[in-house]
């Protein structure tokens, strides 16, 4: 039932665009509809979309945060890797791997 209800809500509100700012606004609007309503209306993107609603959703749903981590890993993006290496210049992948007890060369 949730699948059908979600589809109906997204159809009614035309929330199928996922790209760019409109995609973020649509996600914020959806999280508001799910009951995550920031009383401060922080980060208003439009009359129906607030970043605070999305933050409340993420704070309450660690599985959504984990899904983002998995998505980032699955992208295997050279840009993401380069950005992280800038943040962690001391990182040595061979050293990091060998420090795990289940490592087998």
PDB file of N, CA and C in Angstrom:
ATOM      1  N   UNK A   1       0.814  -1.191   0.000  1.00  0.00           N
ATOM      2  CA  UNK A   1       0.000   0.000   0.000  1.00  0.00           C
ATOM      3  C   UNK A   1       0.866   1.268   0.000  1.00  0.00           C
ATOM      4  N   UNK A   2       1.975   1.253   0.750  1.00  0.00           N
ATOM      5  CA  UNK A   2       2.815   2.446   0.808  1.00  0.00           C
ATOM      6  C   UNK A   2       3.348   2.817  -0.574  1.00  0.00           C
ATOM      7  N   UNK A   3       3.749   1.810  -1.371  1.00  0.00           N
ATOM      8  CA  UNK A   3       4.232   2.094  -2.729  1.00  0.00           C
ATOM      9  C   UNK A   3       3.190   2.857  -3.540  1.00  0.00           C
ATOM     10  N   UNK A   4       1.963   2.362  -3.513  1.00  0.00           N
ATOM     11  CA  UNK A   4       0.891   2.995  -4.295  1.00  0.00           C
ATOM     12  C   UNK A   4       0.569   4.389  -3.766  1.00  0.00           C
ATOM     13  N   UNK A   5       0.559   4.541  -2.454  1.00  0.00           N
ATOM     14  CA  UNK A   5       0.267   5.835  -1.839  1.00  0.00           C
ATOM     15  C   UNK A   5       1.368   6.841  -2.171  1.00  0.00           C
ATOM     16  N   UNK A   6       2.606   6.394  -2.097  1.00  0.00           N
ATOM     17  CA  UNK A   6       3.731   7.262  -2.438  1.00  0.00           C
ATOM     18  C   UNK A   6       3.655   7.694  -3.902  1.00  0.00           C
ATOM     19  N   UNK A   7       3.392   6.752  -4.791  1.00  0.00           N
ATOM     20  CA  UNK A   7       3.253   7.081  -6.213  1.00  0.00           C
ATOM     21  C   UNK A   7       2.130   8.083  -6.441  1.00  0.00           C
ATOM     22  N   UNK A   8       0.995   7.881  -5.769  1.00  0.00           N
ATOM     23  CA  UNK A   8      -0.141   8.796  -5.925  1.00  0.00           C
ATOM     24  C   UNK A   8       0.221  10.198  -5.437  1.00  0.00           C
ATOM     25  N   UNK A   9       0.928  10.280  -4.296  1.00  0.00           N
ATOM     26  CA  UNK A   9       1.331  11.580  -3.767  1.00  0.00           C
ATOM     27  C   UNK A   9       2.300  12.261  -4.730  1.00  0.00           C
ATOM     28  N   UNK A  10       3.261  11.495  -5.217  1.00  0.00           N
ATOM     29  CA  UNK A  10       4.244  12.068  -6.142  1.00  0.00           C
ATOM     30  C   UNK A  10       3.588  12.503  -7.448  1.00  0.00           C
ATOM     31  N   UNK A  11       2.619  11.726  -7.941  1.00  0.00           N
ATOM     32  CA  UNK A  11       1.871  12.125  -9.143  1.00  0.00           C
ATOM     33  C   UNK A  11       1.103  13.416  -8.898  1.00  0.00           C
ATOM     34  N   UNK A  12       0.367  13.446  -7.806  1.00  0.00           N
ATOM     35  CA  UNK A  12      -0.464  14.614  -7.498  1.00  0.00           C
ATOM     36  C   UNK A  12       0.371  15.890  -7.399  1.00  0.00           C
ATOM     37  N   UNK A  13       1.560  15.773  -6.808  1.00  0.00           N
ATOM     38  CA  UNK A  13       2.411  16.943  -6.579  1.00  0.00           C
ATOM     39  C   UNK A  13       3.546  17.087  -7.594  1.00  0.00           C
ATOM     40  N   UNK A  14       3.549  16.218  -8.603  1.00  0.00           N
ATOM     41  CA  UNK A  14       4.566  16.265  -9.666  1.00  0.00           C
ATOM     42  C   UNK A  14       5.989  16.265  -9.093  1.00  0.00           C
ATOM     43  N   UNK A  15       6.284  15.254  -8.291  1.00  0.00           N
ATOM     44  CA  UNK A  15       7.564  15.177  -7.589  1.00  0.00           C
ATOM     45  C   UNK A  15       8.533  14.176  -8.213  1.00  0.00           C
ATOM     46  N   UNK A  16       8.449  13.935  -9.495  1.00  0.00           N
ATOM     47  CA  UNK A  16       9.314  12.914 -10.083  1.00  0.00           C
ATOM     48  C   UNK A  16      10.678  13.413 -10.524  1.00  0.00           C
ATOM     49  N   UNK A  17      10.892  14.704 -10.547  1.00  0.00           N
ATOM     50  CA  UNK A  17      12.212  15.205 -10.941  1.00  0.00           C
ATOM     51  C   UNK A  17      13.176  15.042  -9.772  1.00  0.00           C
ATOM     52  N   UNK A  18      14.305  14.389 -10.018  1.00  0.00           N
ATOM     53  CA  UNK A  18      15.293  14.127  -8.976  1.00  0.00           C
ATOM     54  C   UNK A  18      16.566  14.936  -9.145  1.00  0.00           C
ATOM     55  N   UNK A  19      16.726  15.599 -10.267  1.00  0.00           N
ATOM     56  CA  UNK A  19      17.974  16.299 -10.561  1.00  0.00           C
ATOM     57  C   UNK A  19      17.967  17.708  -9.991  1.00  0.00           C
ATOM     58  N   UNK A  20      19.173  18.156  -9.624  1.00  0.00           N
ATOM     59  CA  UNK A  20      19.393  19.539  -9.251  1.00  0.00           C
ATOM     60  C   UNK A  20      18.567  20.025  -8.071  1.00  0.00           C
ATOM     61  N   UNK A  21      18.425  21.341  -8.036  1.00  0.00           N
ATOM     62  CA  UNK A  21      17.693  21.956  -6.930  1.00  0.00           C
ATOM     63  C   UNK A  21      16.244  21.471  -6.864  1.00  0.00           C
ATOM     64  N   UNK A  22      15.614  21.280  -8.022  1.00  0.00           N
ATOM     65  CA  UNK A  22      14.221  20.818  -8.021  1.00  0.00           C
ATOM     66  C   UNK A  22      14.106  19.444  -7.381  1.00  0.00           C
ATOM     67  N   UNK A  23      15.078  18.577  -7.618  1.00  0.00           N
ATOM     68  CA  UNK A  23      15.074  17.266  -6.988  1.00  0.00           C
ATOM     69  C   UNK A  23      15.172  17.363  -5.470  1.00  0.00           C
ATOM     70  N   UNK A  24      16.020  18.279  -4.985  1.00  0.00           N
ATOM     71  CA  UNK A  24      16.156  18.483  -3.539  1.00  0.00           C
ATOM     72  C   UNK A  24      14.861  19.059  -2.969  1.00  0.00           C
ATOM     73  N   UNK A  25      14.276  20.026  -3.663  1.00  0.00           N
ATOM     74  CA  UNK A  25      12.999  20.588  -3.202  1.00  0.00           C
ATOM     75  C   UNK A  25      11.927  19.509  -3.133  1.00  0.00           C
ATOM     76  N   UNK A  26      11.888  18.647  -4.137  1.00  0.00           N
ATOM     77  CA  UNK A  26      10.891  17.563  -4.144  1.00  0.00           C
ATOM     78  C   UNK A  26      11.100  16.615  -2.972  1.00  0.00           C
ATOM     79  N   UNK A  27      12.354  16.297  -2.680  1.00  0.00           N
ATOM     80  CA  UNK A  27      12.644  15.419  -1.547  1.00  0.00           C
ATOM     81  C   UNK A  27      12.249  16.084  -0.230  1.00  0.00           C
ATOM     82  N   UNK A  28      12.537  17.372  -0.103  1.00  0.00           N
ATOM     83  CA  UNK A  28      12.138  18.107   1.109  1.00  0.00           C
ATOM     84  C   UNK A  28      10.618  18.114   1.251  1.00  0.00           C
ATOM     85  N   UNK A  29       9.921  18.335   0.157  1.00  0.00           N
ATOM     86  CA  UNK A  29       8.456  18.355   0.205  1.00  0.00           C
ATOM     87  C   UNK A  29       7.918  16.980   0.596  1.00  0.00           C
ATOM     88  N   UNK A  30       8.526  15.929   0.079  1.00  0.00           N
ATOM     89  CA  UNK A  30       8.096  14.577   0.436  1.00  0.00           C
ATOM     90  C   UNK A  30       8.327  14.295   1.912  1.00  0.00           C
ATOM     91  N   UNK A  31       9.499  14.678   2.442  1.00  0.00           N
ATOM     92  CA  UNK A  31       9.755  14.414   3.856  1.00  0.00           C
ATOM     93  C   UNK A  31       8.774  15.191   4.736  1.00  0.00           C
ATOM     94  N   UNK A  32       8.376  16.379   4.300  1.00  0.00           N
ATOM     95  CA  UNK A  32       7.361  17.140   5.040  1.00  0.00           C
ATOM     96  C   UNK A  32       6.033  16.381   5.039  1.00  0.00           C
ATOM     97  N   UNK A  33       5.675  15.828   3.894  1.00  0.00           N
ATOM     98  CA  UNK A  33       4.422  15.064   3.794  1.00  0.00           C
ATOM     99  C   UNK A  33       4.464  13.805   4.660  1.00  0.00           C
ATOM    100  N   UNK A  34       5.672  13.288   4.893  1.00  0.00           N
ATOM    101  CA  UNK A  34       5.822  12.102   5.741  1.00  0.00           C
ATOM    102  C   UNK A  34       5.741  12.444   7.229  1.00  0.00           C
ATOM    103  N   UNK A  35       5.622  13.719   7.539  1.00  0.00           N
ATOM    104  CA  UNK A  35       5.436  14.124   8.926  1.00  0.00           C
ATOM    105  C   UNK A  35       6.625  14.810   9.558  1.00  0.00           C
ATOM    106  N   UNK A  36       7.682  15.029   8.801  1.00  0.00           N
ATOM    107  CA  UNK A  36       8.869  15.702   9.335  1.00  0.00           C
ATOM    108  C   UNK A  36       8.754  17.189   9.032  1.00  0.00           C
ATOM    109  N   UNK A  37       8.282  17.938  10.018  1.00  0.00           N
ATOM    110  CA  UNK A  37       8.003  19.363   9.834  1.00  0.00           C
ATOM    111  C   UNK A  37       8.814  20.188  10.813  1.00  0.00           C
ATOM    112  N   UNK A  38       9.843  20.816  10.291  1.00  0.00           N
ATOM    113  CA  UNK A  38      10.708  21.649  11.112  1.00  0.00           C
ATOM    114  C   UNK A  38       9.918  22.886  11.546  1.00  0.00           C
ATOM    115  N   UNK A  39       9.719  23.066  12.844  1.00  0.00           N
ATOM    116  CA  UNK A  39       8.929  24.208  13.315  1.00  0.00           C
ATOM    117  C   UNK A  39       9.601  25.554  13.040  1.00  0.00           C
ATOM    118  N   UNK A  40      10.892  25.541  12.754  1.00  0.00           N
ATOM    119  CA  UNK A  40      11.613  26.783  12.468  1.00  0.00           C
ATOM    120  C   UNK A  40      11.602  27.117  10.977  1.00  0.00           C
ATOM    121  N   UNK A  41      11.101  26.207  10.149  1.00  0.00           N
ATOM    122  CA  UNK A  41      11.088  26.394   8.690  1.00  0.00           C
ATOM    123  C   UNK A  41      12.479  26.739   8.169  1.00  0.00           C
ATOM    124  N   UNK A  42      13.498  26.056   8.713  1.00  0.00           N
ATOM    125  CA  UNK A  42      14.873  26.355   8.354  1.00  0.00           C
ATOM    126  C   UNK A  42      15.142  25.997   6.891  1.00  0.00           C
ATOM    127  N   UNK A  43      15.875  26.863   6.216  1.00  0.00           N
ATOM    128  CA  UNK A  43      16.331  26.580   4.862  1.00  0.00           C
ATOM    129  C   UNK A  43      15.202  26.492   3.852  1.00  0.00           C
ATOM    130  N   UNK A  44      14.324  27.471   3.839  1.00  0.00           N
ATOM    131  CA  UNK A  44      13.191  27.444   2.916  1.00  0.00           C
ATOM    132  C   UNK A  44      13.681  27.499   1.475  1.00  0.00           C
ATOM    133  N   UNK A  45      13.300  26.496   0.701  1.00  0.00           N
ATOM    134  CA  UNK A  45      13.651  26.435  -0.714  1.00  0.00           C
ATOM    135  C   UNK A  45      12.502  26.913  -1.587  1.00  0.00           C
ATOM    136  N   UNK A  46      11.288  26.673  -1.116  1.00  0.00           N
ATOM    137  CA  UNK A  46      10.075  27.108  -1.814  1.00  0.00           C
ATOM    138  C   UNK A  46       8.968  27.179  -0.769  1.00  0.00           C
ATOM    139  N   UNK A  47       7.782  27.492  -1.193  1.00  0.00           N
ATOM    140  CA  UNK A  47       6.674  27.594  -0.232  1.00  0.00           C
ATOM    141  C   UNK A  47       6.295  26.245   0.372  1.00  0.00           C
ATOM    142  N   UNK A  48       6.771  25.140  -0.230  1.00  0.00           N
ATOM    143  CA  UNK A  48       6.427  23.802   0.261  1.00  0.00           C
ATOM    144  C   UNK A  48       7.645  22.975   0.664  1.00  0.00           C
ATOM    145  N   UNK A  49       8.846  23.536   0.542  1.00  0.00           N
ATOM    146  CA  UNK A  49      10.049  22.734   0.760  1.00  0.00           C
ATOM    147  C   UNK A  49      11.027  23.456   1.684  1.00  0.00           C
ATOM    148  N   UNK A  50      11.443  22.733   2.745  1.00  0.00           N
ATOM    149  CA  UNK A  50      12.359  23.285   3.747  1.00  0.00           C
ATOM    150  C   UNK A  50      13.455  22.272   4.035  1.00  0.00           C
ATOM    151  N   UNK A  51      14.694  22.734   4.039  1.00  0.00           N
ATOM    152  CA  UNK A  51      15.823  21.843   4.341  1.00  0.00           C
ATOM    153  C   UNK A  51      15.704  21.255   5.747  1.00  0.00           C
ATOM    154  N   UNK A  52      15.132  22.009   6.669  1.00  0.00           N
ATOM    155  CA  UNK A  52      14.966  21.521   8.037  1.00  0.00           C
ATOM    156  C   UNK A  52      14.138  20.253   8.098  1.00  0.00           C
ATOM    157  N   UNK A  53      13.140  20.131   7.222  1.00  0.00           N
ATOM    158  CA  UNK A  53      12.315  18.924   7.185  1.00  0.00           C
ATOM    159  C   UNK A  53      13.162  17.715   6.781  1.00  0.00           C
ATOM    160  N   UNK A  54      14.007  17.913   5.772  1.00  0.00           N
ATOM    161  CA  UNK A  54      14.887  16.832   5.316  1.00  0.00           C
ATOM    162  C   UNK A  54      15.877  16.447   6.411  1.00  0.00           C
ATOM    163  N   UNK A  55      16.434  17.436   7.101  1.00  0.00           N
ATOM    164  CA  UNK A  55      17.364  17.133   8.195  1.00  0.00           C
ATOM    165  C   UNK A  55      16.678  16.348   9.305  1.00  0.00           C
ATOM    166  N   UNK A  56      15.461  16.726   9.647  1.00  0.00           N
ATOM    167  CA  UNK A  56      14.725  15.975  10.681  1.00  0.00           C
ATOM    168  C   UNK A  56      14.516  14.527  10.239  1.00  0.00           C
ATOM    169  N   UNK A  57      14.185  14.334   8.965  1.00  0.00           N
ATOM    170  CA  UNK A  57      13.993  12.989   8.417  1.00  0.00           C
ATOM    171  C   UNK A  57      15.290  12.179   8.534  1.00  0.00           C
ATOM    172  N   UNK A  58      16.406  12.780   8.134  1.00  0.00           N
ATOM    173  CA  UNK A  58      17.685  12.071   8.182  1.00  0.00           C
ATOM    174  C   UNK A  58      18.108  11.766   9.617  1.00  0.00           C
ATOM    175  N   UNK A  59      17.854  12.703  10.528  1.00  0.00           N
ATOM    176  CA  UNK A  59      18.179  12.469  11.939  1.00  0.00           C
ATOM    177  C   UNK A  59      17.391  11.300  12.515  1.00  0.00           C
ATOM    178  N   UNK A  60      16.172  11.113  12.045  1.00  0.00           N
ATOM    179  CA  UNK A  60      15.283  10.087  12.579  1.00  0.00           C
ATOM    180  C   UNK A  60      15.393   8.750  11.849  1.00  0.00           C
ATOM    181  N   UNK A  61      16.097   8.725  10.724  1.00  0.00           N
ATOM    182  CA  UNK A  61      16.159   7.521   9.895  1.00  0.00           C
ATOM    183  C   UNK A  61      17.605   7.217   9.497  1.00  0.00           C
ATOM    184  N   UNK A  62      18.366   6.575  10.399  1.00  0.00           N
ATOM    185  CA  UNK A  62      19.761   6.290  10.087  1.00  0.00           C
ATOM    186  C   UNK A  62      19.925   5.394   8.859  1.00  0.00           C
ATOM    187  N   UNK A  63      18.915   4.623   8.530  1.00  0.00           N
ATOM    188  CA  UNK A  63      18.982   3.789   7.331  1.00  0.00           C
ATOM    189  C   UNK A  63      19.058   4.624   6.064  1.00  0.00           C
ATOM    190  N   UNK A  64      18.437   5.805   6.080  1.00  0.00           N
ATOM    191  CA  UNK A  64      18.519   6.702   4.924  1.00  0.00           C
ATOM    192  C   UNK A  64      19.931   7.244   4.786  1.00  0.00           C
ATOM    193  N   UNK A  65      20.566   7.552   5.910  1.00  0.00           N
ATOM    194  CA  UNK A  65      21.944   8.030   5.881  1.00  0.00           C
ATOM    195  C   UNK A  65      22.850   6.902   5.386  1.00  0.00           C
ATOM    196  N   UNK A  66      22.616   5.698   5.872  1.00  0.00           N
ATOM    197  CA  UNK A  66      23.399   4.544   5.429  1.00  0.00           C
ATOM    198  C   UNK A  66      23.215   4.310   3.928  1.00  0.00           C
ATOM    199  N   UNK A  67      21.993   4.497   3.432  1.00  0.00           N
ATOM    200  CA  UNK A  67      21.737   4.346   1.992  1.00  0.00           C
ATOM    201  C   UNK A  67      22.545   5.360   1.188  1.00  0.00           C
ATOM    202  N   UNK A  68      22.706   6.572   1.712  1.00  0.00           N
ATOM    203  CA  UNK A  68      23.542   7.573   1.039  1.00  0.00           C
ATOM    204  C   UNK A  68      25.008   7.148   1.039  1.00  0.00           C
ATOM    205  N   UNK A  69      25.476   6.616   2.157  1.00  0.00           N
ATOM    206  CA  UNK A  69      26.853   6.122   2.217  1.00  0.00           C
ATOM    207  C   UNK A  69      27.057   5.030   1.169  1.00  0.00           C
ATOM    208  N   UNK A  70      26.115   4.101   1.080  1.00  0.00           N
ATOM    209  CA  UNK A  70      26.204   3.012   0.106  1.00  0.00           C
ATOM    210  C   UNK A  70      26.190   3.561  -1.315  1.00  0.00           C
ATOM    211  N   UNK A  71      25.321   4.533  -1.568  1.00  0.00           N
ATOM    212  CA  UNK A  71      25.248   5.135  -2.902  1.00  0.00           C
ATOM    213  C   UNK A  71      26.585   5.776  -3.262  1.00  0.00           C
ATOM    214  N   UNK A  72      27.196   6.491  -2.318  1.00  0.00           N
ATOM    215  CA  UNK A  72      28.488   7.131  -2.578  1.00  0.00           C
ATOM    216  C   UNK A  72      29.531   6.071  -2.924  1.00  0.00           C
ATOM    217  N   UNK A  73      29.566   4.977  -2.140  1.00  0.00           N
ATOM    218  CA  UNK A  73      30.513   3.898  -2.425  1.00  0.00           C
ATOM    219  C   UNK A  73      30.267   3.288  -3.802  1.00  0.00           C
ATOM    220  N   UNK A  74      29.009   3.050  -4.127  1.00  0.00           N
ATOM    221  CA  UNK A  74      28.651   2.397  -5.385  1.00  0.00           C
ATOM    222  C   UNK A  74      28.983   3.241  -6.611  1.00  0.00           C
ATOM    223  N   UNK A  75      29.128   4.542  -6.444  1.00  0.00           N
ATOM    224  CA  UNK A  75      29.445   5.400  -7.582  1.00  0.00           C
ATOM    225  C   UNK A  75      30.865   5.181  -8.083  1.00  0.00           C
ATOM    226  N   UNK A  76      31.752   4.744  -7.187  1.00  0.00           N
ATOM    227  CA  UNK A  76      33.152   4.532  -7.536  1.00  0.00           C
ATOM    228  C   UNK A  76      33.691   5.740  -8.308  1.00  0.00           C
ATOM    229  N   UNK A  77      33.392   6.916  -7.809  1.00  0.00           N
ATOM    230  CA  UNK A  77      33.678   8.176  -8.486  1.00  0.00           C
ATOM    231  C   UNK A  77      35.109   8.653  -8.238  1.00  0.00           C
ATOM    232  N   UNK A  78      35.871   8.879  -9.303  1.00  0.00           N
ATOM    233  CA  UNK A  78      37.212   9.446  -9.128  1.00  0.00           C
ATOM    234  C   UNK A  78      37.161  10.828  -8.461  1.00  0.00           C
ATOM    235  N   UNK A  79      36.116  11.592  -8.747  1.00  0.00           N
ATOM    236  CA  UNK A  79      35.977  12.920  -8.132  1.00  0.00           C
ATOM    237  C   UNK A  79      35.768  12.797  -6.623  1.00  0.00           C
ATOM    238  N   UNK A  80      34.927  11.866  -6.202  1.00  0.00           N
ATOM    239  CA  UNK A  80      34.708  11.660  -4.770  1.00  0.00           C
ATOM    240  C   UNK A  80      36.009  11.191  -4.107  1.00  0.00           C
ATOM    241  N   UNK A  81      36.705  10.258  -4.782  1.00  0.00           N
ATOM    242  CA  UNK A  81      37.948   9.732  -4.228  1.00  0.00           C
ATOM    243  C   UNK A  81      38.990  10.835  -4.084  1.00  0.00           C
ATOM    244  N   UNK A  82      39.123  11.667  -5.107  1.00  0.00           N
ATOM    245  CA  UNK A  82      40.101  12.758  -5.058  1.00  0.00           C
ATOM    246  C   UNK A  82      39.770  13.735  -3.933  1.00  0.00           C
ATOM    247  N   UNK A  83      38.498  14.045  -3.778  1.00  0.00           N
ATOM    248  CA  UNK A  83      38.095  14.975  -2.717  1.00  0.00           C
ATOM    249  C   UNK A  83      38.396  14.395  -1.335  1.00  0.00           C
ATOM    250  N   UNK A  84      38.128  13.102  -1.139  1.00  0.00           N
ATOM    251  CA  UNK A  84      38.409  12.472   0.153  1.00  0.00           C
ATOM    252  C   UNK A  84      39.911  12.371   0.412  1.00  0.00           C
ATOM    253  N   UNK A  85      40.667  12.098  -0.632  1.00  0.00           N
ATOM    254  CA  UNK A  85      42.123  12.031  -0.454  1.00  0.00           C
ATOM    255  C   UNK A  85      42.694  13.393  -0.067  1.00  0.00           C
ATOM    256  N   UNK A  86      42.104  14.468  -0.546  1.00  0.00           N
ATOM    257  CA  UNK A  86      42.535  15.796  -0.121  1.00  0.00           C
ATOM    258  C   UNK A  86      42.282  15.993   1.372  1.00  0.00           C
ATOM    259  N   UNK A  87      41.195  15.414   1.865  1.00  0.00           N
ATOM    260  CA  UNK A  87      40.867  15.514   3.287  1.00  0.00           C
ATOM    261  C   UNK A  87      41.712  14.573   4.137  1.00  0.00           C
ATOM    262  N   UNK A  88      42.254  13.513   3.508  1.00  0.00           N
ATOM    263  CA  UNK A  88      43.010  12.496   4.241  1.00  0.00           C
ATOM    264  C   UNK A  88      44.317  12.178   3.529  1.00  0.00           C
ATOM    265  N   UNK A  89      45.249  13.134   3.463  1.00  0.00           N
ATOM    266  CA  UNK A  89      46.501  12.891   2.737  1.00  0.00           C
ATOM    267  C   UNK A  89      47.343  11.776   3.354  1.00  0.00           C
ATOM    268  N   UNK A  90      47.099  11.468   4.622  1.00  0.00           N
ATOM    269  CA  UNK A  90      47.873  10.416   5.290  1.00  0.00           C
ATOM    270  C   UNK A  90      47.366   9.016   4.963  1.00  0.00           C
ATOM    271  N   UNK A  91      46.266   8.899   4.239  1.00  0.00           N
ATOM    272  CA  UNK A  91      45.646   7.600   3.953  1.00  0.00           C
ATOM    273  C   UNK A  91      46.531   6.764   3.043  1.00  0.00           C
ATOM    274  N   UNK A  92      46.759   5.515   3.456  1.00  0.00           N
ATOM    275  CA  UNK A  92      47.517   4.550   2.664  1.00  0.00           C
ATOM    276  C   UNK A  92      46.670   3.291   2.594  1.00  0.00           C
ATOM    277  N   UNK A  93      46.091   3.022   1.442  1.00  0.00           N
ATOM    278  CA  UNK A  93      45.123   1.929   1.346  1.00  0.00           C
ATOM    279  C   UNK A  93      45.728   0.574   1.693  1.00  0.00           C
ATOM    280  N   UNK A  94      46.941   0.287   1.272  1.00  0.00           N
ATOM    281  CA  UNK A  94      47.553  -1.008   1.596  1.00  0.00           C
ATOM    282  C   UNK A  94      47.740  -1.138   3.101  1.00  0.00           C
ATOM    283  N   UNK A  95      48.185  -0.065   3.746  1.00  0.00           N
ATOM    284  CA  UNK A  95      48.370  -0.084   5.198  1.00  0.00           C
ATOM    285  C   UNK A  95      47.031  -0.246   5.903  1.00  0.00           C
ATOM    286  N   UNK A  96      46.012   0.474   5.432  1.00  0.00           N
ATOM    287  CA  UNK A  96      44.691   0.395   6.052  1.00  0.00           C
ATOM    288  C   UNK A  96      44.129  -1.018   5.929  1.00  0.00           C
ATOM    289  N   UNK A  97      44.254  -1.625   4.772  1.00  0.00           N
ATOM    290  CA  UNK A  97      43.727  -2.972   4.570  1.00  0.00           C
ATOM    291  C   UNK A  97      44.448  -3.994   5.435  1.00  0.00           C
ATOM    292  N   UNK A  98      45.775  -3.916   5.511  1.00  0.00           N
ATOM    293  CA  UNK A  98      46.540  -4.917   6.250  1.00  0.00           C
ATOM    294  C   UNK A  98      46.316  -4.833   7.750  1.00  0.00           C
ATOM    295  N   UNK A  99      45.784  -3.728   8.245  1.00  0.00           N
ATOM    296  CA  UNK A  99      45.538  -3.596   9.673  1.00  0.00           C
ATOM    297  C   UNK A  99      44.273  -4.331  10.115  1.00  0.00           C
ATOM    298  N   UNK A 100      43.452  -4.772   9.177  1.00  0.00           N
ATOM    299  CA  UNK A 100      42.245  -5.522   9.536  1.00  0.00           C
ATOM    300  C   UNK A 100      42.592  -6.985   9.768  1.00  0.00           C
ATOM    301  N   UNK A 101      42.015  -7.563  10.802  1.00  0.00           N
ATOM    302  CA  UNK A 101      42.358  -8.937  11.176  1.00  0.00           C
ATOM    303  C   UNK A 101      41.966  -9.970  10.118  1.00  0.00           C
ATOM    304  N   UNK A 102      40.985  -9.682   9.268  1.00  0.00           N
ATOM    305  CA  UNK A 102      40.564 -10.648   8.257  1.00  0.00           C
ATOM    306  C   UNK A 102      41.240 -10.417   6.900  1.00  0.00           C
ATOM    307  N   UNK A 103      42.270  -9.562   6.868  1.00  0.00           N
ATOM    308  CA  UNK A 103      42.985  -9.259   5.630  1.00  0.00           C
ATOM    309  C   UNK A 103      43.789 -10.472   5.172  1.00  0.00           C
ATOM    310  N   UNK A 104      43.656 -10.808   3.871  1.00  0.00           N
ATOM    311  CA  UNK A 104      44.432 -11.876   3.282  1.00  0.00           C
ATOM    312  C   UNK A 104      45.024 -11.360   1.974  1.00  0.00           C
ATOM    313  N   UNK A 105      46.343 -11.230   1.914  1.00  0.00           N
ATOM    314  CA  UNK A 105      46.969 -10.694   0.687  1.00  0.00           C
ATOM    315  C   UNK A 105      46.860 -11.637  -0.495  1.00  0.00           C
TER     316      UNK A 105
END
